[in-house]
Amino acid sequence: MLGAYLPILVLVVIACLFGLGSVVFSSLIGQKKPSQVKLAPYECGCEPVGSARERFSIKFYLIAMLFILFDIEAVFMYPWAVLFKRLGMFGLVEMGLFIVILFVGYVYVWKKGALEWE
């Protein structure tokens, strides 16, 4: 049973070793000449404006969470589309119900004003 997961474990170990090795190797051979310009925060080529400790509105986080929620729900449609013919009418009804529930949630969020950016 555990032998089936061995290739995945090997891949994860190789990926972790590659990431760690890249960081260690670059820190060993990289140039270390810090300056005021290199240590300054980079903001799309422009001079930084304001403080890095500026507070964000709670609305920002709410919009972000809603985006992630609806984006993840859209990902669930891909496996359904792959197996659509095999699932038949049952799969169509289940996905229709899923989309209706998702739409009801979207309408609820819209009515509550969570998508209004003020």
PDB file of N, CA and C in Angstrom:
ATOM      1  N   MET A   1       0.829  -1.199   0.000  1.00  0.00           N
ATOM      2  CA  MET A   1       0.000   0.000   0.000  1.00  0.00           C
ATOM      3  C   MET A   1       0.867   1.255   0.000  1.00  0.00           C
ATOM      4  N   LEU A   2       1.856   1.314   0.883  1.00  0.00           N
ATOM      5  CA  LEU A   2       2.714   2.488   0.954  1.00  0.00           C
ATOM      6  C   LEU A   2       3.627   2.589  -0.262  1.00  0.00           C
ATOM      7  N   GLY A   3       3.884   1.476  -0.916  1.00  0.00           N
ATOM      8  CA  GLY A   3       4.726   1.483  -2.114  1.00  0.00           C
ATOM      9  C   GLY A   3       4.125   2.294  -3.248  1.00  0.00           C
ATOM     10  N   ALA A   4       2.803   2.428  -3.256  1.00  0.00           N
ATOM     11  CA  ALA A   4       2.146   3.218  -4.302  1.00  0.00           C
ATOM     12  C   ALA A   4       2.438   4.704  -4.139  1.00  0.00           C
ATOM     13  N   TYR A   5       2.718   5.128  -2.908  1.00  0.00           N
ATOM     14  CA  TYR A   5       2.993   6.534  -2.647  1.00  0.00           C
ATOM     15  C   TYR A   5       4.479   6.869  -2.706  1.00  0.00           C
ATOM     16  N   LEU A   6       5.326   5.873  -2.907  1.00  0.00           N
ATOM     17  CA  LEU A   6       6.768   6.096  -2.940  1.00  0.00           C
ATOM     18  C   LEU A   6       7.189   7.079  -4.034  1.00  0.00           C
ATOM     19  N   PRO A   7       6.692   6.990  -5.269  1.00  0.00           N
ATOM     20  CA  PRO A   7       7.099   7.969  -6.282  1.00  0.00           C
ATOM     21  C   PRO A   7       6.720   9.410  -5.908  1.00  0.00           C
ATOM     22  N   ILE A   8       5.575   9.582  -5.258  1.00  0.00           N
ATOM     23  CA  ILE A   8       5.167  10.928  -4.843  1.00  0.00           C
ATOM     24  C   ILE A   8       6.100  11.432  -3.751  1.00  0.00           C
ATOM     25  N   LEU A   9       6.436  10.576  -2.809  1.00  0.00           N
ATOM     26  CA  LEU A   9       7.359  10.950  -1.738  1.00  0.00           C
ATOM     27  C   LEU A   9       8.726  11.312  -2.305  1.00  0.00           C
ATOM     28  N   VAL A  10       9.213  10.527  -3.260  1.00  0.00           N
ATOM     29  CA  VAL A  10      10.503  10.813  -3.889  1.00  0.00           C
ATOM     30  C   VAL A  10      10.454  12.163  -4.592  1.00  0.00           C
ATOM     31  N   LEU A  11       9.378  12.449  -5.296  1.00  0.00           N
ATOM     32  CA  LEU A  11       9.234  13.724  -5.994  1.00  0.00           C
ATOM     33  C   LEU A  11       9.216  14.897  -5.018  1.00  0.00           C
ATOM     34  N   VAL A  12       8.513  14.761  -3.903  1.00  0.00           N
ATOM     35  CA  VAL A  12       8.463  15.825  -2.894  1.00  0.00           C
ATOM     36  C   VAL A  12       9.841  16.050  -2.290  1.00  0.00           C
ATOM     37  N   VAL A  13      10.555  14.971  -1.992  1.00  0.00           N
ATOM     38  CA  VAL A  13      11.903  15.094  -1.424  1.00  0.00           C
ATOM     39  C   VAL A  13      12.834  15.770  -2.423  1.00  0.00           C
ATOM     40  N   ILE A  14      12.787  15.383  -3.688  1.00  0.00           N
ATOM     41  CA  ILE A  14      13.631  16.001  -4.717  1.00  0.00           C
ATOM     42  C   ILE A  14      13.294  17.484  -4.862  1.00  0.00           C
ATOM     43  N   ALA A  15      12.016  17.826  -4.851  1.00  0.00           N
ATOM     44  CA  ALA A  15      11.614  19.225  -4.984  1.00  0.00           C
ATOM     45  C   ALA A  15      12.110  20.049  -3.792  1.00  0.00           C
ATOM     46  N   CYS A  16      11.986  19.506  -2.588  1.00  0.00           N
ATOM     47  CA  CYS A  16      12.470  20.221  -1.400  1.00  0.00           C
ATOM     48  C   CYS A  16      13.982  20.377  -1.431  1.00  0.00           C
ATOM     49  N   LEU A  17      14.697  19.319  -1.799  1.00  0.00           N
ATOM     50  CA  LEU A  17      16.152  19.403  -1.885  1.00  0.00           C
ATOM     51  C   LEU A  17      16.589  20.392  -2.960  1.00  0.00           C
ATOM     52  N   PHE A  18      15.871  20.432  -4.080  1.00  0.00           N
ATOM     53  CA  PHE A  18      16.211  21.386  -5.137  1.00  0.00           C
ATOM     54  C   PHE A  18      16.012  22.817  -4.650  1.00  0.00           C
ATOM     55  N   GLY A  19      14.902  23.094  -3.999  1.00  0.00           N
ATOM     56  CA  GLY A  19      14.644  24.435  -3.481  1.00  0.00           C
ATOM     57  C   GLY A  19      15.667  24.844  -2.439  1.00  0.00           C
ATOM     58  N   LEU A  20      15.926  23.963  -1.486  1.00  0.00           N
ATOM     59  CA  LEU A  20      16.906  24.247  -0.441  1.00  0.00           C
ATOM     60  C   LEU A  20      18.304  24.390  -1.031  1.00  0.00           C
ATOM     61  N   GLY A  21      18.651  23.502  -1.952  1.00  0.00           N
ATOM     62  CA  GLY A  21      19.965  23.566  -2.596  1.00  0.00           C
ATOM     63  C   GLY A  21      20.158  24.847  -3.386  1.00  0.00           C
ATOM     64  N   SER A  22      19.122  25.305  -4.068  1.00  0.00           N
ATOM     65  CA  SER A  22      19.214  26.552  -4.835  1.00  0.00           C
ATOM     66  C   SER A  22      19.472  27.742  -3.918  1.00  0.00           C
ATOM     67  N   VAL A  23      18.782  27.798  -2.790  1.00  0.00           N
ATOM     68  CA  VAL A  23      18.964  28.910  -1.853  1.00  0.00           C
ATOM     69  C   VAL A  23      20.367  28.876  -1.249  1.00  0.00           C
ATOM     70  N   VAL A  24      20.806  27.701  -0.802  1.00  0.00           N
ATOM     71  CA  VAL A  24      22.130  27.577  -0.185  1.00  0.00           C
ATOM     72  C   VAL A  24      23.222  27.876  -1.210  1.00  0.00           C
ATOM     73  N   PHE A  25      23.105  27.306  -2.397  1.00  0.00           N
ATOM     74  CA  PHE A  25      24.121  27.498  -3.435  1.00  0.00           C
ATOM     75  C   PHE A  25      24.227  28.965  -3.845  1.00  0.00           C
ATOM     76  N   SER A  26      23.085  29.635  -4.014  1.00  0.00           N
ATOM     77  CA  SER A  26      23.128  31.046  -4.407  1.00  0.00           C
ATOM     78  C   SER A  26      23.680  31.920  -3.290  1.00  0.00           C
ATOM     79  N   SER A  27      23.427  31.557  -2.040  1.00  0.00           N
ATOM     80  CA  SER A  27      23.986  32.354  -0.944  1.00  0.00           C
ATOM     81  C   SER A  27      25.487  32.137  -0.807  1.00  0.00           C
ATOM     82  N   LEU A  28      25.982  30.974  -1.203  1.00  0.00           N
ATOM     83  CA  LEU A  28      27.411  30.705  -1.117  1.00  0.00           C
ATOM     84  C   LEU A  28      28.191  31.394  -2.233  1.00  0.00           C
ATOM     85  N   ILE A  29      27.663  31.378  -3.455  1.00  0.00           N
ATOM     86  CA  ILE A  29      28.432  31.923  -4.576  1.00  0.00           C
ATOM     87  C   ILE A  29      27.999  33.326  -4.988  1.00  0.00           C
ATOM     88  N   GLY A  30      26.908  33.823  -4.452  1.00  0.00           N
ATOM     89  CA  GLY A  30      26.403  35.144  -4.838  1.00  0.00           C
ATOM     90  C   GLY A  30      27.244  36.268  -4.272  1.00  0.00           C
ATOM     91  N   GLN A  31      27.229  37.409  -4.963  1.00  0.00           N
ATOM     92  CA  GLN A  31      27.955  38.584  -4.483  1.00  0.00           C
ATOM     93  C   GLN A  31      27.244  39.167  -3.276  1.00  0.00           C
ATOM     94  N   LYS A  32      28.023  39.642  -2.340  1.00  0.00           N
ATOM     95  CA  LYS A  32      27.463  40.233  -1.131  1.00  0.00           C
ATOM     96  C   LYS A  32      27.972  41.663  -1.006  1.00  0.00           C
ATOM     97  N   LYS A  33      27.378  42.578  -1.758  1.00  0.00           N
ATOM     98  CA  LYS A  33      27.742  43.993  -1.723  1.00  0.00           C
ATOM     99  C   LYS A  33      26.490  44.818  -1.449  1.00  0.00           C
ATOM    100  N   PRO A  34      26.029  44.835  -0.194  1.00  0.00           N
ATOM    101  CA  PRO A  34      24.809  45.599   0.099  1.00  0.00           C
ATOM    102  C   PRO A  34      25.067  47.103  -0.025  1.00  0.00           C
ATOM    103  N   SER A  35      24.048  47.808  -0.479  1.00  0.00           N
ATOM    104  CA  SER A  35      24.116  49.271  -0.567  1.00  0.00           C
ATOM    105  C   SER A  35      22.730  49.813  -0.215  1.00  0.00           C
ATOM    106  N   GLN A  36      22.638  51.131  -0.079  1.00  0.00           N
ATOM    107  CA  GLN A  36      21.359  51.770   0.240  1.00  0.00           C
ATOM    108  C   GLN A  36      20.338  51.473  -0.841  1.00  0.00           C
ATOM    109  N   VAL A  37      20.771  51.504  -2.100  1.00  0.00           N
ATOM    110  CA  VAL A  37      19.838  51.276  -3.209  1.00  0.00           C
ATOM    111  C   VAL A  37      19.357  49.828  -3.218  1.00  0.00           C
ATOM    112  N   LYS A  38      20.274  48.890  -3.000  1.00  0.00           N
ATOM    113  CA  LYS A  38      19.893  47.476  -3.019  1.00  0.00           C
ATOM    114  C   LYS A  38      19.007  47.091  -1.836  1.00  0.00           C
ATOM    115  N   LEU A  39      19.172  47.765  -0.717  1.00  0.00           N
ATOM    116  CA  LEU A  39      18.391  47.436   0.475  1.00  0.00           C
ATOM    117  C   LEU A  39      17.054  48.167   0.530  1.00  0.00           C
ATOM    118  N   ALA A  40      16.822  49.098  -0.395  1.00  0.00           N
ATOM    119  CA  ALA A  40      15.558  49.839  -0.416  1.00  0.00           C
ATOM    120  C   ALA A  40      14.440  48.938  -0.933  1.00  0.00           C
ATOM    121  N   PRO A  41      13.215  49.121  -0.454  1.00  0.00           N
ATOM    122  CA  PRO A  41      12.098  48.323  -0.970  1.00  0.00           C
ATOM    123  C   PRO A  41      11.839  48.644  -2.435  1.00  0.00           C
ATOM    124  N   TYR A  42      11.494  47.616  -3.195  1.00  0.00           N
ATOM    125  CA  TYR A  42      11.242  47.785  -4.629  1.00  0.00           C
ATOM    126  C   TYR A  42       9.744  47.750  -4.869  1.00  0.00           C
ATOM    127  N   GLU A  43       9.248  48.728  -5.575  1.00  0.00           N
ATOM    128  CA  GLU A  43       7.815  48.831  -5.812  1.00  0.00           C
ATOM    129  C   GLU A  43       7.557  49.167  -7.280  1.00  0.00           C
ATOM    130  N   CYS A  44       7.719  48.175  -8.161  1.00  0.00           N
ATOM    131  CA  CYS A  44       7.439  48.329  -9.592  1.00  0.00           C
ATOM    132  C   CYS A  44       8.282  49.427 -10.236  1.00  0.00           C
ATOM    133  N   GLY A  45       9.480  49.620  -9.789  1.00  0.00           N
ATOM    134  CA  GLY A  45      10.349  50.608 -10.399  1.00  0.00           C
ATOM    135  C   GLY A  45      10.099  52.024  -9.935  1.00  0.00           C
ATOM    136  N   CYS A  46       9.146  52.231  -9.074  1.00  0.00           N
ATOM    137  CA  CYS A  46       8.827  53.566  -8.573  1.00  0.00           C
ATOM    138  C   CYS A  46       9.344  53.700  -7.151  1.00  0.00           C
ATOM    139  N   GLU A  47       9.461  54.924  -6.730  1.00  0.00           N
ATOM    140  CA  GLU A  47       9.830  55.170  -5.342  1.00  0.00           C
ATOM    141  C   GLU A  47       8.684  54.718  -4.440  1.00  0.00           C
ATOM    142  N   PRO A  48       8.983  54.054  -3.330  1.00  0.00           N
ATOM    143  CA  PRO A  48       7.909  53.621  -2.436  1.00  0.00           C
ATOM    144  C   PRO A  48       7.150  54.822  -1.862  1.00  0.00           C
ATOM    145  N   VAL A  49       5.836  54.658  -1.793  1.00  0.00           N
ATOM    146  CA  VAL A  49       4.982  55.727  -1.285  1.00  0.00           C
ATOM    147  C   VAL A  49       4.305  55.242  -0.016  1.00  0.00           C
ATOM    148  N   GLY A  50       4.383  55.990   1.034  1.00  0.00           N
ATOM    149  CA  GLY A  50       3.697  55.626   2.269  1.00  0.00           C
ATOM    150  C   GLY A  50       4.477  54.618   3.084  1.00  0.00           C
ATOM    151  N   SER A  51       3.864  54.206   4.145  1.00  0.00           N
ATOM    152  CA  SER A  51       4.490  53.266   5.071  1.00  0.00           C
ATOM    153  C   SER A  51       4.147  51.830   4.680  1.00  0.00           C
ATOM    154  N   ALA A  52       5.038  50.923   4.991  1.00  0.00           N
ATOM    155  CA  ALA A  52       4.769  49.503   4.754  1.00  0.00           C
ATOM    156  C   ALA A  52       3.778  48.964   5.774  1.00  0.00           C
ATOM    157  N   ARG A  53       3.538  49.699   6.819  1.00  0.00           N
ATOM    158  CA  ARG A  53       2.632  49.276   7.882  1.00  0.00           C
ATOM    159  C   ARG A  53       1.231  49.854   7.715  1.00  0.00           C
ATOM    160  N   GLU A  54       0.905  50.300   6.527  1.00  0.00           N
ATOM    161  CA  GLU A  54      -0.412  50.879   6.265  1.00  0.00           C
ATOM    162  C   GLU A  54      -1.491  49.817   6.450  1.00  0.00           C
ATOM    163  N   ARG A  55      -2.589  50.196   7.063  1.00  0.00           N
ATOM    164  CA  ARG A  55      -3.678  49.255   7.318  1.00  0.00           C
ATOM    165  C   ARG A  55      -4.587  49.173   6.107  1.00  0.00           C
ATOM    166  N   PHE A  56      -5.011  47.963   5.812  1.00  0.00           N
ATOM    167  CA  PHE A  56      -5.953  47.734   4.729  1.00  0.00           C
ATOM    168  C   PHE A  56      -7.356  47.654   5.304  1.00  0.00           C
ATOM    169  N   SER A  57      -8.302  48.051   4.499  1.00  0.00           N
ATOM    170  CA  SER A  57      -9.702  47.946   4.890  1.00  0.00           C
ATOM    171  C   SER A  57     -10.084  46.469   4.985  1.00  0.00           C
ATOM    172  N   ILE A  58     -10.978  46.157   5.884  1.00  0.00           N
ATOM    173  CA  ILE A  58     -11.454  44.780   6.027  1.00  0.00           C
ATOM    174  C   ILE A  58     -12.156  44.335   4.743  1.00  0.00           C
ATOM    175  N   LYS A  59     -12.675  45.295   3.983  1.00  0.00           N
ATOM    176  CA  LYS A  59     -13.341  45.006   2.714  1.00  0.00           C
ATOM    177  C   LYS A  59     -12.369  44.330   1.735  1.00  0.00           C
ATOM    178  N   PHE A  60     -11.110  44.749   1.778  1.00  0.00           N
ATOM    179  CA  PHE A  60     -10.091  44.158   0.912  1.00  0.00           C
ATOM    180  C   PHE A  60      -9.976  42.659   1.175  1.00  0.00           C
ATOM    181  N   TYR A  61      -9.900  42.286   2.435  1.00  0.00           N
ATOM    182  CA  TYR A  61      -9.767  40.878   2.796  1.00  0.00           C
ATOM    183  C   TYR A  61     -11.043  40.094   2.470  1.00  0.00           C
ATOM    184  N   LEU A  62     -12.176  40.705   2.644  1.00  0.00           N
ATOM    185  CA  LEU A  62     -13.442  40.050   2.325  1.00  0.00           C
ATOM    186  C   LEU A  62     -13.542  39.752   0.831  1.00  0.00           C
ATOM    187  N   ILE A  63     -13.177  40.737   0.011  1.00  0.00           N
ATOM    188  CA  ILE A  63     -13.189  40.533  -1.450  1.00  0.00           C
ATOM    189  C   ILE A  63     -12.205  39.434  -1.825  1.00  0.00           C
ATOM    190  N   ALA A  64     -11.029  39.434  -1.213  1.00  0.00           N
ATOM    191  CA  ALA A  64     -10.024  38.413  -1.514  1.00  0.00           C
ATOM    192  C   ALA A  64     -10.528  37.020  -1.155  1.00  0.00           C
ATOM    193  N   MET A  65     -11.159  36.889   0.004  1.00  0.00           N
ATOM    194  CA  MET A  65     -11.675  35.578   0.404  1.00  0.00           C
ATOM    195  C   MET A  65     -12.805  35.127  -0.508  1.00  0.00           C
ATOM    196  N   LEU A  66     -13.664  36.046  -0.913  1.00  0.00           N
ATOM    197  CA  LEU A  66     -14.744  35.675  -1.829  1.00  0.00           C
ATOM    198  C   LEU A  66     -14.193  35.255  -3.183  1.00  0.00           C
ATOM    199  N   PHE A  67     -13.174  35.954  -3.648  1.00  0.00           N
ATOM    200  CA  PHE A  67     -12.554  35.574  -4.918  1.00  0.00           C
ATOM    201  C   PHE A  67     -11.984  34.162  -4.829  1.00  0.00           C
ATOM    202  N   ILE A  68     -11.264  33.883  -3.756  1.00  0.00           N
ATOM    203  CA  ILE A  68     -10.676  32.547  -3.593  1.00  0.00           C
ATOM    204  C   ILE A  68     -11.778  31.495  -3.494  1.00  0.00           C
ATOM    205  N   LEU A  69     -12.829  31.791  -2.758  1.00  0.00           N
ATOM    206  CA  LEU A  69     -13.929  30.847  -2.615  1.00  0.00           C
ATOM    207  C   LEU A  69     -14.552  30.502  -3.968  1.00  0.00           C
ATOM    208  N   PHE A  70     -14.915  31.520  -4.736  1.00  0.00           N
ATOM    209  CA  PHE A  70     -15.560  31.257  -6.022  1.00  0.00           C
ATOM    210  C   PHE A  70     -14.572  30.700  -7.040  1.00  0.00           C
ATOM    211  N   ASP A  71     -13.308  31.040  -6.934  1.00  0.00           N
ATOM    212  CA  ASP A  71     -12.302  30.508  -7.836  1.00  0.00           C
ATOM    213  C   ASP A  71     -12.097  29.018  -7.576  1.00  0.00           C
ATOM    214  N   ILE A  72     -12.047  28.631  -6.316  1.00  0.00           N
ATOM    215  CA  ILE A  72     -11.878  27.214  -5.979  1.00  0.00           C
ATOM    216  C   ILE A  72     -13.102  26.415  -6.415  1.00  0.00           C
ATOM    217  N   GLU A  73     -14.260  27.000  -6.265  1.00  0.00           N
ATOM    218  CA  GLU A  73     -15.467  26.297  -6.707  1.00  0.00           C
ATOM    219  C   GLU A  73     -15.442  26.060  -8.213  1.00  0.00           C
ATOM    220  N   ALA A  74     -14.891  26.975  -8.970  1.00  0.00           N
ATOM    221  CA  ALA A  74     -14.795  26.791 -10.420  1.00  0.00           C
ATOM    222  C   ALA A  74     -13.842  25.650 -10.762  1.00  0.00           C
ATOM    223  N   VAL A  75     -12.854  25.400  -9.934  1.00  0.00           N
ATOM    224  CA  VAL A  75     -11.912  24.307 -10.169  1.00  0.00           C
ATOM    225  C   VAL A  75     -12.618  22.955 -10.078  1.00  0.00           C
ATOM    226  N   PHE A  76     -13.668  22.859  -9.262  1.00  0.00           N
ATOM    227  CA  PHE A  76     -14.392  21.603  -9.138  1.00  0.00           C
ATOM    228  C   PHE A  76     -15.121  21.221 -10.427  1.00  0.00           C
ATOM    229  N   MET A  77     -15.282  22.156 -11.331  1.00  0.00           N
ATOM    230  CA  MET A  77     -15.980  21.848 -12.580  1.00  0.00           C
ATOM    231  C   MET A  77     -15.095  21.090 -13.566  1.00  0.00           C
ATOM    232  N   TYR A  78     -13.778  21.186 -13.428  1.00  0.00           N
ATOM    233  CA  TYR A  78     -12.884  20.515 -14.373  1.00  0.00           C
ATOM    234  C   TYR A  78     -12.997  18.988 -14.308  1.00  0.00           C
ATOM    235  N   PRO A  79     -12.899  18.369 -13.128  1.00  0.00           N
ATOM    236  CA  PRO A  79     -13.052  16.908 -13.103  1.00  0.00           C
ATOM    237  C   PRO A  79     -14.429  16.459 -13.588  1.00  0.00           C
ATOM    238  N   TRP A  80     -15.444  17.259 -13.315  1.00  0.00           N
ATOM    239  CA  TRP A  80     -16.783  16.926 -13.787  1.00  0.00           C
ATOM    240  C   TRP A  80     -16.817  16.936 -15.312  1.00  0.00           C
ATOM    241  N   ALA A  81     -16.169  17.924 -15.922  1.00  0.00           N
ATOM    242  CA  ALA A  81     -16.157  18.014 -17.385  1.00  0.00           C
ATOM    243  C   ALA A  81     -15.407  16.834 -18.001  1.00  0.00           C
ATOM    244  N   VAL A  82     -14.364  16.356 -17.329  1.00  0.00           N
ATOM    245  CA  VAL A  82     -13.604  15.216 -17.837  1.00  0.00           C
ATOM    246  C   VAL A  82     -14.459  13.949 -17.808  1.00  0.00           C
ATOM    247  N   LEU A  83     -15.258  13.783 -16.765  1.00  0.00           N
ATOM    248  CA  LEU A  83     -16.064  12.570 -16.608  1.00  0.00           C
ATOM    249  C   LEU A  83     -17.522  12.765 -17.002  1.00  0.00           C
ATOM    250  N   PHE A  84     -17.819  13.824 -17.725  1.00  0.00           N
ATOM    251  CA  PHE A  84     -19.203  14.170 -18.028  1.00  0.00           C
ATOM    252  C   PHE A  84     -19.962  13.026 -18.702  1.00  0.00           C
ATOM    253  N   LYS A  85     -19.376  12.422 -19.734  1.00  0.00           N
ATOM    254  CA  LYS A  85     -20.085  11.357 -20.461  1.00  0.00           C
ATOM    255  C   LYS A  85     -20.308  10.127 -19.597  1.00  0.00           C
ATOM    256  N   ARG A  86     -19.358   9.819 -18.729  1.00  0.00           N
ATOM    257  CA  ARG A  86     -19.491   8.640 -17.880  1.00  0.00           C
ATOM    258  C   ARG A  86     -20.517   8.858 -16.771  1.00  0.00           C
ATOM    259  N   LEU A  87     -20.656  10.099 -16.310  1.00  0.00           N
ATOM    260  CA  LEU A  87     -21.602  10.389 -15.226  1.00  0.00           C
ATOM    261  C   LEU A  87     -23.043  10.426 -15.713  1.00  0.00           C
ATOM    262  N   GLY A  88     -23.222  10.790 -16.961  1.00  0.00           N
ATOM    263  CA  GLY A  88     -24.557  10.797 -17.545  1.00  0.00           C
ATOM    264  C   GLY A  88     -25.473  11.853 -16.935  1.00  0.00           C
ATOM    265  N   MET A  89     -26.751  11.534 -16.880  1.00  0.00           N
ATOM    266  CA  MET A  89     -27.757  12.470 -16.393  1.00  0.00           C
ATOM    267  C   MET A  89     -27.566  12.793 -14.909  1.00  0.00           C
ATOM    268  N   PHE A  90     -27.126  11.810 -14.128  1.00  0.00           N
ATOM    269  CA  PHE A  90     -26.883  12.036 -12.709  1.00  0.00           C
ATOM    270  C   PHE A  90     -25.837  13.136 -12.518  1.00  0.00           C
ATOM    271  N   GLY A  91     -24.755  13.058 -13.285  1.00  0.00           N
ATOM    272  CA  GLY A  91     -23.698  14.065 -13.199  1.00  0.00           C
ATOM    273  C   GLY A  91     -24.183  15.434 -13.626  1.00  0.00           C
ATOM    274  N   LEU A  92     -25.029  15.484 -14.636  1.00  0.00           N
ATOM    275  CA  LEU A  92     -25.575  16.759 -15.106  1.00  0.00           C
ATOM    276  C   LEU A  92     -26.460  17.399 -14.042  1.00  0.00           C
ATOM    277  N   VAL A  93     -27.304  16.592 -13.416  1.00  0.00           N
ATOM    278  CA  VAL A  93     -28.189  17.116 -12.365  1.00  0.00           C
ATOM    279  C   VAL A  93     -27.373  17.576 -11.154  1.00  0.00           C
ATOM    280  N   GLU A  94     -26.384  16.793 -10.776  1.00  0.00           N
ATOM    281  CA  GLU A  94     -25.551  17.167  -9.627  1.00  0.00           C
ATOM    282  C   GLU A  94     -24.793  18.462  -9.897  1.00  0.00           C
ATOM    283  N   MET A  95     -24.238  18.630 -11.096  1.00  0.00           N
ATOM    284  CA  MET A  95     -23.521  19.866 -11.414  1.00  0.00           C
ATOM    285  C   MET A  95     -24.487  21.034 -11.512  1.00  0.00           C
ATOM    286  N   GLY A  96     -25.684  20.790 -12.017  1.00  0.00           N
ATOM    287  CA  GLY A  96     -26.694  21.849 -12.043  1.00  0.00           C
ATOM    288  C   GLY A  96     -27.037  22.306 -10.636  1.00  0.00           C
ATOM    289  N   LEU A  97     -27.200  21.355  -9.718  1.00  0.00           N
ATOM    290  CA  LEU A  97     -27.472  21.686  -8.325  1.00  0.00           C
ATOM    291  C   LEU A  97     -26.291  22.446  -7.703  1.00  0.00           C
ATOM    292  N   PHE A  98     -25.085  22.020  -8.015  1.00  0.00           N
ATOM    293  CA  PHE A  98     -23.884  22.686  -7.523  1.00  0.00           C
ATOM    294  C   PHE A  98     -23.840  24.139  -8.002  1.00  0.00           C
ATOM    295  N   ILE A  99     -24.129  24.362  -9.263  1.00  0.00           N
ATOM    296  CA  ILE A  99     -24.103  25.718  -9.827  1.00  0.00           C
ATOM    297  C   ILE A  99     -25.218  26.566  -9.228  1.00  0.00           C
ATOM    298  N   VAL A 100     -26.375  25.976  -8.998  1.00  0.00           N
ATOM    299  CA  VAL A 100     -27.476  26.724  -8.372  1.00  0.00           C
ATOM    300  C   VAL A 100     -27.085  27.156  -6.957  1.00  0.00           C
ATOM    301  N   ILE A 101     -26.502  26.253  -6.184  1.00  0.00           N
ATOM    302  CA  ILE A 101     -26.067  26.603  -4.829  1.00  0.00           C
ATOM    303  C   ILE A 101     -25.002  27.690  -4.881  1.00  0.00           C
ATOM    304  N   LEU A 102     -24.086  27.578  -5.815  1.00  0.00           N
ATOM    305  CA  LEU A 102     -23.044  28.591  -5.977  1.00  0.00           C
ATOM    306  C   LEU A 102     -23.650  29.939  -6.365  1.00  0.00           C
ATOM    307  N   PHE A 103     -24.628  29.914  -7.238  1.00  0.00           N
ATOM    308  CA  PHE A 103     -25.288  31.146  -7.668  1.00  0.00           C
ATOM    309  C   PHE A 103     -26.075  31.777  -6.510  1.00  0.00           C
ATOM    310  N   VAL A 104     -26.726  30.961  -5.705  1.00  0.00           N
ATOM    311  CA  VAL A 104     -27.457  31.478  -4.534  1.00  0.00           C
ATOM    312  C   VAL A 104     -26.475  32.156  -3.576  1.00  0.00           C
ATOM    313  N   GLY A 105     -25.315  31.550  -3.372  1.00  0.00           N
ATOM    314  CA  GLY A 105     -24.291  32.167  -2.536  1.00  0.00           C
ATOM    315  C   GLY A 105     -23.808  33.480  -3.119  1.00  0.00           C
ATOM    316  N   TYR A 106     -23.641  33.525  -4.431  1.00  0.00           N
ATOM    317  CA  TYR A 106     -23.213  34.748  -5.104  1.00  0.00           C
ATOM    318  C   TYR A 106     -24.260  35.851  -4.946  1.00  0.00           C
ATOM    319  N   VAL A 107     -25.521  35.519  -5.129  1.00  0.00           N
ATOM    320  CA  VAL A 107     -26.593  36.501  -4.971  1.00  0.00           C
ATOM    321  C   VAL A 107     -26.654  36.982  -3.527  1.00  0.00           C
ATOM    322  N   TYR A 108     -26.481  36.090  -2.568  1.00  0.00           N
ATOM    323  CA  TYR A 108     -26.484  36.466  -1.157  1.00  0.00           C
ATOM    324  C   TYR A 108     -25.373  37.467  -0.856  1.00  0.00           C
ATOM    325  N   VAL A 109     -24.184  37.166  -1.352  1.00  0.00           N
ATOM    326  CA  VAL A 109     -23.036  38.057  -1.138  1.00  0.00           C
ATOM    327  C   VAL A 109     -23.293  39.403  -1.800  1.00  0.00           C
ATOM    328  N   TRP A 110     -23.868  39.382  -2.984  1.00  0.00           N
ATOM    329  CA  TRP A 110     -24.160  40.614  -3.720  1.00  0.00           C
ATOM    330  C   TRP A 110     -25.193  41.461  -2.961  1.00  0.00           C
ATOM    331  N   LYS A 111     -26.255  40.812  -2.482  1.00  0.00           N
ATOM    332  CA  LYS A 111     -27.306  41.524  -1.755  1.00  0.00           C
ATOM    333  C   LYS A 111     -26.793  42.106  -0.440  1.00  0.00           C
ATOM    334  N   LYS A 112     -25.870  41.417   0.212  1.00  0.00           N
ATOM    335  CA  LYS A 112     -25.297  41.901   1.462  1.00  0.00           C
ATOM    336  C   LYS A 112     -24.353  43.084   1.235  1.00  0.00           C
ATOM    337  N   GLY A 113     -23.982  43.331  -0.025  1.00  0.00           N
ATOM    338  CA  GLY A 113     -23.104  44.458  -0.340  1.00  0.00           C
ATOM    339  C   GLY A 113     -21.634  44.127  -0.167  1.00  0.00           C
ATOM    340  N   ALA A 114     -21.304  42.863  -0.088  1.00  0.00           N
ATOM    341  CA  ALA A 114     -19.903  42.485   0.117  1.00  0.00           C
ATOM    342  C   ALA A 114     -19.035  42.764  -1.108  1.00  0.00           C
ATOM    343  N   LEU A 115     -19.665  42.923  -2.272  1.00  0.00           N
ATOM    344  CA  LEU A 115     -18.895  43.189  -3.482  1.00  0.00           C
ATOM    345  C   LEU A 115     -18.776  44.674  -3.786  1.00  0.00           C
ATOM    346  N   GLU A 116     -19.338  45.512  -2.944  1.00  0.00           N
ATOM    347  CA  GLU A 116     -19.244  46.966  -3.134  1.00  0.00           C
ATOM    348  C   GLU A 116     -17.915  47.455  -2.604  1.00  0.00           C
ATOM    349  N   TRP A 117     -17.171  48.151  -3.434  1.00  0.00           N
ATOM    350  CA  TRP A 117     -15.871  48.675  -3.026  1.00  0.00           C
ATOM    351  C   TRP A 117     -16.035  50.165  -2.761  1.00  0.00           C
ATOM    352  N   GLU A 118     -15.988  50.557  -1.508  1.00  0.00           N
ATOM    353  CA  GLU A 118     -16.209  51.961  -1.150  1.00  0.00           C
ATOM    354  C   GLU A 118     -14.968  52.577  -0.574  1.00  0.00           C
TER     355      GLU A 118
END
